[in-house]
Amino acid sequence: MLSVVEAETLILESVQAIGEIERVGLAACRNRILAAPIASNLDFPHWDNSAMDGYAVRFEDVKQPAILEIVEEIPAGYLPQKSIQPGQAARILTGSMMPAGADTVVMQENTQRQGDRVSILTPPPTQGSFVRYRGSYYQAGNPLLSPGAVLKAPEIAILAAAQCVEVPVFRRLRVAILSTGSELVTPDRPLQPGQIVDSNQYALEALVAEMGAEVISLGIICDEPAELKNAIATAVESADVVISSGGVSVGDYDYVDRILEELGAAIQIRSVAVKPGKPLTFATFPNSTLYFGLPGNPASVLVTFWRFAQPAIRKLSGLGQGWKPEFLSAIATQELKSDGKREFYLWGSVSISDGVLHFTPAGGSRLSGNLINLAGTNALGKMSIGQTHISPGETIQILKVS
């Protein structure tokens, strides 16, 4: 068995970010990953403008209380027509372009207007007060967004402001998912004695879809070597990543590893010193397809996906940073126990109180076949090899999973 860290390192070193790029419209780039650097030919702000409603003035005229002549009004979107001369001012609104000659804005709360005259009651503190200067946020030609960024609302707003209407993004990963086991049935079928409803397929599809990948659902494959081999071969040819659940242990009907070797895969991992999830297969194919053979128990599927498959998929997708698992310190709210023989992961929830993270394990049985208490899981608590007990109030390392 490999240690968790050894397995993680081996997997992530086997992954190179996808290199295929496509261009999509601005409205279609949400949650996509930027594939090329973005620059703009515009300065931000595009011109000197006012940060306040008030009056554009010459600082020399208002170092002390003064009465100025109003020579122009400048609403937003209006090109000023006059240059401000000594003793003059222009009425200006927030975001409006500064007129030539003016270098300072006096906020209207510090003025009193009478006709075409304005009294400056309180001088501005410094020259340039309440002026947003052209290029002070960003200068044209400089890097604006870097490859690997996930395009969410802030990034999309920047792209729109930069008039980038076609966005270079990495193509979506194709992830094939299949469940193995003759005992499995789909949720819509009547359950017969000895059968099990396949929940793994739906859980994995949801996890993969949340990551922005394209899901290729292959459903349930029975424990028949020829059928399983055909399904895996098809998946490997059509997907960047293949994820199966079940069939990777040492039982009489666990055929996955043997089939992978027959199909030319290099099996990098067969088991990991982790609980739950010891029987874990990771393999690579000559065409660069990655294969994750996860255990069959529902909790084991989720734990091993979050711990091993998800970081690899993130890196493969082109994500620039944040793809490697990052552990945080939290306070255990309950007593936690482990036999200390393998790195142990407890699923549960993390919350924050007074700036401190608190981890509460799921209630009831934490057996890997119990999926009922997985509801509400947003973190995994880690107990290291040799660590058998954590008391309430002590620190535990957690991995946030949602």
Protein backbone atom coordinates (compact mmCIF):
# COMPACT_ATOMS: atom_id res chain seq x y z
CA MET A 1 0.00 0.00 0.00
CA LEU A 2 1.11 3.52 -0.77
CA SER A 3 0.70 6.26 1.79
CA VAL A 4 -1.87 8.96 1.03
CA VAL A 5 0.84 11.51 0.30
CA GLU A 6 2.69 9.08 -1.99
CA ALA A 7 -0.52 8.32 -3.87
CA GLU A 8 -1.43 12.00 -4.16
CA THR A 9 2.04 12.88 -5.47
CA LEU A 10 2.06 10.05 -7.99
CA ILE A 11 -1.37 10.97 -9.32
CA LEU A 12 -0.74 14.69 -9.63
CA GLU A 13 2.66 14.20 -11.25
CA SER A 14 0.92 12.05 -13.87
CA VAL A 15 -1.41 14.90 -14.83
CA GLN A 16 -0.64 17.62 -17.34
CA ALA A 17 -3.14 20.39 -18.00
CA ILE A 18 -5.22 19.93 -21.11
CA GLY A 19 -3.96 22.04 -24.00
CA GLU A 20 -6.97 22.26 -26.29
CA ILE A 21 -8.42 25.76 -26.56
CA GLU A 22 -11.73 27.00 -27.88
CA ARG A 23 -13.28 30.44 -28.06
CA VAL A 24 -16.72 31.10 -26.59
CA GLY A 25 -18.94 34.12 -26.37
CA LEU A 26 -18.85 36.29 -23.28
CA ALA A 27 -22.30 35.08 -22.23
CA ALA A 28 -21.17 31.43 -22.39
CA CYS A 29 -17.90 31.59 -20.46
CA ARG A 30 -19.28 31.30 -16.91
CA ASN A 31 -17.25 28.82 -14.82
CA ARG A 32 -14.95 28.08 -17.76
CA ILE A 33 -11.17 28.21 -17.32
CA LEU A 34 -9.27 30.94 -19.13
CA ALA A 35 -6.73 29.47 -21.56
CA ALA A 36 -4.73 32.52 -22.67
CA PRO A 37 -3.65 35.83 -21.14
CA ILE A 38 -6.04 38.73 -21.57
CA ALA A 39 -4.94 42.33 -22.07
CA SER A 40 -6.95 45.40 -23.04
CA ASN A 41 -6.24 48.35 -25.30
CA LEU A 42 -8.19 50.54 -22.88
CA ASP A 43 -7.01 52.35 -19.78
CA PHE A 44 -9.10 51.96 -16.63
CA PRO A 45 -10.53 54.47 -15.89
CA HIS A 46 -10.75 55.44 -19.56
CA TRP A 47 -10.36 59.13 -18.64
CA ASP A 48 -10.05 61.34 -15.57
CA ASN A 49 -13.44 61.35 -13.90
CA SER A 50 -15.18 62.44 -10.74
CA ALA A 51 -15.65 60.10 -7.78
CA MET A 52 -18.31 62.39 -6.29
CA ASP A 53 -21.25 64.60 -7.11
CA GLY A 54 -19.90 68.12 -6.71
CA TYR A 55 -17.85 70.73 -8.54
CA ALA A 56 -14.74 70.41 -10.67
CA VAL A 57 -12.33 73.18 -9.75
CA ARG A 58 -8.72 74.34 -9.81
CA PHE A 59 -7.12 73.49 -6.48
CA GLU A 60 -5.33 76.87 -6.51
CA ASP A 61 -8.76 78.57 -6.35
CA VAL A 62 -10.10 76.65 -3.33
CA LYS A 63 -7.27 76.38 -0.85
CA GLN A 64 -9.52 78.55 1.27
CA PRO A 65 -13.26 79.33 1.11
CA ALA A 66 -14.12 80.92 -2.23
CA ILE A 67 -16.96 81.86 -4.56
CA LEU A 68 -16.62 80.53 -8.11
CA GLU A 69 -18.50 81.03 -11.38
CA ILE A 70 -20.26 77.89 -12.71
CA VAL A 71 -19.52 77.74 -16.44
CA GLU A 72 -20.76 74.25 -17.36
CA GLU A 73 -22.71 71.24 -16.14
CA ILE A 74 -21.23 67.82 -16.91
CA PRO A 75 -23.59 64.83 -16.60
CA ALA A 76 -22.39 61.25 -17.07
CA GLY A 77 -21.56 60.41 -20.68
CA TYR A 78 -21.09 64.06 -21.67
CA LEU A 79 -17.90 65.41 -23.24
CA PRO A 80 -16.95 68.67 -21.47
CA GLN A 81 -16.96 71.66 -23.80
CA LYS A 82 -15.12 74.24 -21.72
CA SER A 83 -11.79 74.52 -20.00
CA ILE A 84 -11.89 75.69 -16.38
CA GLN A 85 -10.18 79.03 -15.94
CA PRO A 86 -9.16 80.78 -12.70
CA GLY A 87 -12.24 81.59 -10.63
CA GLN A 88 -14.42 79.08 -12.47
CA ALA A 89 -16.04 75.71 -11.67
CA ALA A 90 -18.13 73.07 -13.43
CA ARG A 91 -21.03 71.18 -11.90
CA ILE A 92 -20.07 67.48 -12.19
CA LEU A 93 -21.70 64.17 -11.33
CA THR A 94 -20.14 60.89 -10.20
CA GLY A 95 -18.38 59.16 -13.10
CA SER A 96 -18.48 62.21 -15.32
CA MET A 97 -15.41 63.23 -17.30
CA MET A 98 -13.22 65.91 -15.76
CA PRO A 99 -13.02 69.13 -17.80
CA ALA A 100 -9.68 70.49 -18.93
CA GLY A 101 -8.11 72.88 -16.43
CA ALA A 102 -9.77 71.30 -13.38
CA ASP A 103 -7.69 69.09 -11.10
CA THR A 104 -9.89 68.64 -8.02
CA VAL A 105 -13.50 67.91 -7.09
CA VAL A 106 -15.27 69.54 -4.15
CA MET A 107 -18.10 67.34 -2.91
CA GLN A 108 -21.47 69.10 -3.04
CA GLU A 109 -22.03 68.70 0.71
CA ASN A 110 -19.24 71.25 1.20
CA THR A 111 -20.75 73.82 -1.16
CA GLN A 112 -23.70 76.18 -1.49
CA ARG A 113 -25.01 77.17 -4.90
CA GLN A 114 -26.77 80.39 -5.79
CA GLY A 115 -27.63 80.71 -9.47
CA ASP A 116 -24.44 80.56 -11.52
CA ARG A 117 -22.22 80.91 -8.47
CA VAL A 118 -21.06 78.29 -5.98
CA SER A 119 -19.58 78.98 -2.56
CA ILE A 120 -16.84 76.60 -1.48
CA LEU A 121 -17.49 76.31 2.24
CA THR A 122 -14.78 73.79 3.15
CA PRO A 123 -11.60 73.56 1.08
CA PRO A 124 -10.66 70.05 -0.20
CA PRO A 125 -7.83 68.42 1.77
CA THR A 126 -5.45 67.89 -1.15
CA GLN A 127 -5.02 68.57 -4.84
CA GLY A 128 -6.69 65.80 -6.83
CA SER A 129 -9.33 65.05 -4.17
CA PHE A 130 -12.16 62.89 -5.52
CA VAL A 131 -10.60 62.56 -8.96
CA ARG A 132 -10.13 59.09 -10.48
CA TYR A 133 -7.24 59.42 -12.89
CA ARG A 134 -7.03 57.74 -16.27
CA GLY A 135 -5.08 54.48 -16.05
CA SER A 136 -4.90 54.52 -12.24
CA TYR A 137 -6.58 51.08 -12.06
CA TYR A 138 -5.05 49.54 -15.16
CA GLN A 139 -2.92 50.72 -18.06
CA ALA A 140 -3.59 49.50 -21.59
CA GLY A 141 -1.42 46.64 -22.78
CA ASN A 142 -0.59 45.25 -19.36
CA PRO A 143 -1.77 41.76 -18.32
CA LEU A 144 -5.38 41.89 -17.20
CA LEU A 145 -6.31 38.24 -16.53
CA SER A 146 -3.97 35.24 -16.47
CA PRO A 147 -4.52 31.74 -17.88
CA GLY A 148 -5.91 29.23 -15.41
CA ALA A 149 -8.41 31.63 -13.86
CA VAL A 150 -11.95 30.37 -13.31
CA LEU A 151 -14.29 32.82 -14.99
CA LYS A 152 -16.86 33.85 -12.43
CA ALA A 153 -18.85 37.07 -12.08
CA PRO A 154 -15.90 39.39 -11.24
CA GLU A 155 -13.74 38.06 -14.09
CA ILE A 156 -16.63 38.18 -16.55
CA ALA A 157 -17.29 41.79 -15.56
CA ILE A 158 -13.64 42.61 -16.30
CA LEU A 159 -13.83 40.86 -19.68
CA ALA A 160 -16.97 42.80 -20.55
CA ALA A 161 -15.41 46.11 -19.52
CA ALA A 162 -12.38 45.26 -21.66
CA GLN A 163 -14.71 44.58 -24.61
CA CYS A 164 -13.50 40.99 -24.87
CA VAL A 165 -16.52 39.42 -26.55
CA GLU A 166 -14.84 36.12 -27.53
CA VAL A 167 -12.99 34.41 -24.71
CA PRO A 168 -10.25 31.75 -25.09
CA VAL A 169 -11.01 28.88 -22.70
CA PHE A 170 -9.85 25.31 -22.28
CA ARG A 171 -12.33 22.84 -23.69
CA ARG A 172 -14.41 20.99 -21.14
CA LEU A 173 -13.01 17.71 -19.91
CA ARG A 174 -14.90 14.57 -20.83
CA VAL A 175 -15.35 12.28 -17.84
CA ALA A 176 -16.87 8.83 -18.29
CA ILE A 177 -18.54 7.25 -15.25
CA LEU A 178 -19.60 3.65 -14.77
CA SER A 179 -20.71 1.45 -11.88
CA THR A 180 -19.71 -2.20 -11.70
CA GLY A 181 -21.70 -4.98 -10.04
CA SER A 182 -24.39 -7.45 -11.07
CA GLU A 183 -26.22 -6.69 -7.84
CA LEU A 184 -26.83 -3.06 -8.82
CA VAL A 185 -30.09 -1.66 -10.16
CA THR A 186 -31.15 1.81 -11.23
CA PRO A 187 -33.37 3.86 -8.88
CA ASP A 188 -36.44 3.42 -11.09
CA ARG A 189 -36.50 -0.39 -10.87
CA PRO A 190 -38.27 -2.44 -8.17
CA LEU A 191 -35.70 -3.71 -5.68
CA GLN A 192 -35.38 -7.49 -5.41
CA PRO A 193 -33.78 -9.38 -2.47
CA GLY A 194 -30.00 -9.08 -2.59
CA GLN A 195 -30.00 -6.10 -4.95
CA ILE A 196 -28.61 -2.63 -4.25
CA VAL A 197 -29.68 0.67 -5.76
CA ASP A 198 -26.79 2.31 -7.59
CA SER A 199 -26.24 5.67 -5.90
CA ASN A 200 -22.58 6.01 -6.88
CA GLN A 201 -23.31 6.84 -10.51
CA TYR A 202 -25.50 9.79 -9.53
CA ALA A 203 -23.15 11.07 -6.85
CA LEU A 204 -20.15 10.99 -9.19
CA GLU A 205 -22.10 12.58 -12.03
CA ALA A 206 -23.10 15.43 -9.73
CA LEU A 207 -19.54 15.93 -8.48
CA VAL A 208 -18.09 15.94 -11.99
CA ALA A 209 -20.78 18.26 -13.36
CA GLU A 210 -20.16 20.70 -10.52
CA MET A 211 -16.55 20.91 -11.71
CA GLY A 212 -17.69 22.00 -15.17
CA ALA A 213 -16.77 18.80 -17.01
CA GLU A 214 -18.88 16.98 -19.57
CA VAL A 215 -20.31 13.77 -18.07
CA ILE A 216 -20.43 10.59 -20.14
CA SER A 217 -22.77 8.28 -18.24
CA LEU A 218 -22.20 4.59 -18.94
CA GLY A 219 -24.51 3.30 -16.20
CA ILE A 220 -24.26 -0.14 -14.61
CA ILE A 221 -21.96 -2.80 -16.02
CA CYS A 222 -22.49 -6.31 -14.67
CA ASP A 223 -19.72 -8.55 -13.38
CA GLU A 224 -19.07 -10.18 -16.72
CA PRO A 225 -15.46 -9.71 -17.95
CA ALA A 226 -16.21 -9.33 -21.66
CA GLU A 227 -18.96 -6.76 -21.10
CA LEU A 228 -16.85 -4.83 -18.58
CA LYS A 229 -13.83 -4.85 -20.88
CA ASN A 230 -15.89 -3.51 -23.76
CA ALA A 231 -17.34 -0.74 -21.60
CA ILE A 232 -13.96 0.33 -20.25
CA ALA A 233 -12.39 0.23 -23.72
CA THR A 234 -15.18 2.44 -25.07
CA ALA A 235 -14.81 4.84 -22.15
CA VAL A 236 -11.04 5.12 -22.55
CA GLU A 237 -11.40 6.03 -26.22
CA SER A 238 -14.06 8.68 -25.62
CA ALA A 239 -13.02 10.37 -22.38
CA ASP A 240 -10.13 12.24 -20.77
CA VAL A 241 -10.90 10.61 -17.42
CA VAL A 242 -12.72 7.39 -16.62
CA ILE A 243 -14.14 6.78 -13.14
CA SER A 244 -15.57 3.45 -12.09
CA SER A 245 -16.89 2.37 -8.72
CA GLY A 246 -16.55 -1.18 -7.44
CA GLY A 247 -14.61 -4.13 -8.76
CA VAL A 248 -11.14 -3.03 -7.56
CA SER A 249 -10.77 -5.15 -4.43
CA VAL A 250 -9.61 -8.79 -4.24
CA GLY A 251 -12.95 -10.56 -4.59
CA ASP A 252 -13.74 -13.28 -7.09
CA TYR A 253 -15.69 -10.84 -9.25
CA ASP A 254 -13.30 -7.89 -9.06
CA TYR A 255 -12.06 -7.74 -12.64
CA VAL A 256 -11.13 -4.07 -13.15
CA ASP A 257 -7.35 -4.24 -12.61
CA ARG A 258 -6.96 -7.29 -14.81
CA ILE A 259 -8.97 -5.70 -17.60
CA LEU A 260 -6.98 -2.48 -17.40
CA GLU A 261 -3.76 -4.41 -17.92
CA GLU A 262 -5.28 -6.31 -20.85
CA LEU A 263 -6.19 -2.95 -22.43
CA GLY A 264 -2.62 -1.68 -22.13
CA ALA A 265 -2.94 0.52 -19.07
CA ALA A 266 -0.08 1.16 -16.68
CA ILE A 267 -1.47 0.63 -13.19
CA GLN A 268 0.21 3.14 -10.91
CA ILE A 269 -1.77 2.48 -7.72
CA ARG A 270 -3.65 -0.57 -6.47
CA SER A 271 -4.24 0.29 -2.81
CA VAL A 272 -3.67 3.19 -0.44
CA ALA A 273 -3.27 3.30 3.32
CA VAL A 274 -6.47 5.28 3.76
CA LYS A 275 -9.77 4.62 5.51
CA PRO A 276 -12.25 4.49 3.92
CA GLY A 277 -10.98 3.72 0.44
CA LYS A 278 -8.09 1.26 0.73
CA PRO A 279 -8.83 -0.54 -2.60
CA LEU A 280 -8.08 2.33 -4.99
CA THR A 281 -6.82 1.91 -8.54
CA PHE A 282 -5.17 4.64 -10.57
CA ALA A 283 -3.97 3.87 -14.09
CA THR A 284 -2.77 5.74 -17.15
CA PHE A 285 -3.29 4.82 -20.79
CA PRO A 286 -1.00 5.49 -23.78
CA ASN A 287 -3.56 7.97 -25.15
CA SER A 288 -3.20 9.97 -21.86
CA THR A 289 -6.60 8.94 -20.49
CA LEU A 290 -6.61 8.71 -16.69
CA TYR A 291 -8.46 5.91 -14.95
CA PHE A 292 -9.72 5.99 -11.36
CA GLY A 293 -11.11 2.74 -10.01
CA LEU A 294 -12.86 3.73 -6.80
CA PRO A 295 -14.23 1.36 -4.15
CA GLY A 296 -17.87 0.39 -4.25
CA ASN A 297 -19.06 1.58 -0.84
CA PRO A 298 -20.81 4.97 -1.11
CA ALA A 299 -18.79 6.82 1.52
CA SER A 300 -15.56 5.38 0.14
CA VAL A 301 -16.50 6.63 -3.32
CA LEU A 302 -16.98 10.19 -2.12
CA VAL A 303 -13.91 10.26 0.14
CA THR A 304 -11.58 8.88 -2.53
CA PHE A 305 -13.06 11.15 -5.19
CA TRP A 306 -12.57 14.26 -3.04
CA ARG A 307 -9.11 13.23 -1.89
CA PHE A 308 -7.59 11.85 -5.10
CA ALA A 309 -9.72 12.23 -8.25
CA GLN A 310 -10.97 15.77 -7.79
CA PRO A 311 -7.51 17.40 -7.52
CA ALA A 312 -6.37 15.53 -10.64
CA ILE A 313 -9.42 16.62 -12.62
CA ARG A 314 -8.91 20.21 -11.51
CA LYS A 315 -5.27 20.18 -12.63
CA LEU A 316 -6.11 18.45 -15.91
CA SER A 317 -8.83 21.02 -16.65
CA GLY A 318 -6.24 23.81 -16.78
CA LEU A 319 -6.97 25.40 -13.41
CA GLY A 320 -4.02 27.63 -12.61
CA GLN A 321 -4.04 27.30 -8.84
CA GLY A 322 -6.10 25.78 -6.07
CA TRP A 323 -6.13 22.29 -7.56
CA LYS A 324 -3.95 20.73 -4.88
CA PRO A 325 -5.75 19.69 -1.66
CA GLU A 326 -5.36 22.33 1.03
CA PHE A 327 -5.89 21.44 4.65
CA LEU A 328 -7.08 23.90 7.29
CA SER A 329 -7.04 23.71 11.07
CA ALA A 330 -10.36 23.40 12.88
CA ILE A 331 -11.56 22.66 16.40
CA ALA A 332 -13.19 19.27 16.94
CA THR A 333 -16.61 19.59 18.53
CA GLN A 334 -16.82 15.92 19.48
CA GLU A 335 -14.51 13.12 20.52
CA LEU A 336 -12.95 11.43 17.46
CA LYS A 337 -11.41 7.97 17.38
CA SER A 338 -9.38 5.88 14.93
CA ASP A 339 -7.40 2.64 15.12
CA GLY A 340 -4.41 4.61 13.83
CA LYS A 341 -3.45 2.00 11.24
CA ARG A 342 -4.37 4.03 8.18
CA GLU A 343 -4.93 7.71 7.47
CA PHE A 344 -8.56 8.09 8.53
CA TYR A 345 -11.09 10.51 7.05
CA LEU A 346 -14.30 11.43 8.84
CA TRP A 347 -17.01 13.12 6.85
CA GLY A 348 -18.93 15.92 8.49
CA SER A 349 -19.53 19.65 8.48
CA VAL A 350 -17.39 22.66 9.18
CA SER A 351 -18.73 25.95 10.48
CA ILE A 352 -17.15 29.19 11.61
CA SER A 353 -17.70 30.97 14.91
CA ASP A 354 -15.79 34.04 16.10
CA GLY A 355 -13.36 33.55 13.25
CA VAL A 356 -12.56 29.94 14.22
CA LEU A 357 -13.43 26.85 12.18
CA HIS A 358 -15.27 24.04 14.00
CA PHE A 359 -15.58 20.49 12.66
CA THR A 360 -18.51 18.24 13.57
CA PRO A 361 -18.46 14.66 12.29
CA ALA A 362 -21.59 13.12 10.83
CA GLY A 363 -23.80 11.49 13.41
CA GLY A 364 -24.47 7.79 13.78
CA SER A 365 -22.46 4.99 12.20
CA ARG A 366 -19.52 6.11 10.10
CA LEU A 367 -19.18 2.84 8.21
CA SER A 368 -18.25 3.28 4.55
CA GLY A 369 -21.46 1.59 3.42
CA ASN A 370 -23.65 4.10 5.26
CA LEU A 371 -24.54 6.86 2.85
CA ILE A 372 -27.48 8.23 4.85
CA ASN A 373 -25.33 10.35 7.19
CA LEU A 374 -23.43 11.86 4.26
CA ALA A 375 -26.13 14.53 3.94
CA GLY A 376 -24.76 18.00 4.66
CA THR A 377 -21.12 16.96 4.31
CA ASN A 378 -18.89 19.89 3.41
CA ALA A 379 -15.56 18.79 4.92
CA LEU A 380 -13.41 15.78 5.71
CA GLY A 381 -11.57 15.58 9.01
CA LYS A 382 -8.17 13.85 8.85
CA MET A 383 -6.63 11.65 11.52
CA SER A 384 -3.05 10.66 10.69
CA ILE A 385 -1.51 7.21 10.97
CA GLY A 386 -0.76 6.59 14.65
CA GLN A 387 -3.32 9.16 15.79
CA THR A 388 -6.06 7.32 17.67
CA HIS A 389 -7.88 10.01 19.61
CA ILE A 390 -8.86 13.68 19.35
CA SER A 391 -10.69 15.24 22.26
CA PRO A 392 -13.37 17.93 21.93
CA GLY A 393 -11.65 21.30 21.70
CA GLU A 394 -8.48 19.90 20.14
CA THR A 395 -7.28 20.74 16.65
CA ILE A 396 -8.02 18.58 13.63
CA GLN A 397 -6.92 19.05 10.02
CA ILE A 398 -9.86 19.38 7.63
CA LEU A 399 -10.29 19.37 3.87
CA LYS A 400 -13.22 21.47 2.65
CA VAL A 401 -15.08 19.64 -0.11
CA SER A 402 -17.83 22.09 -1.05
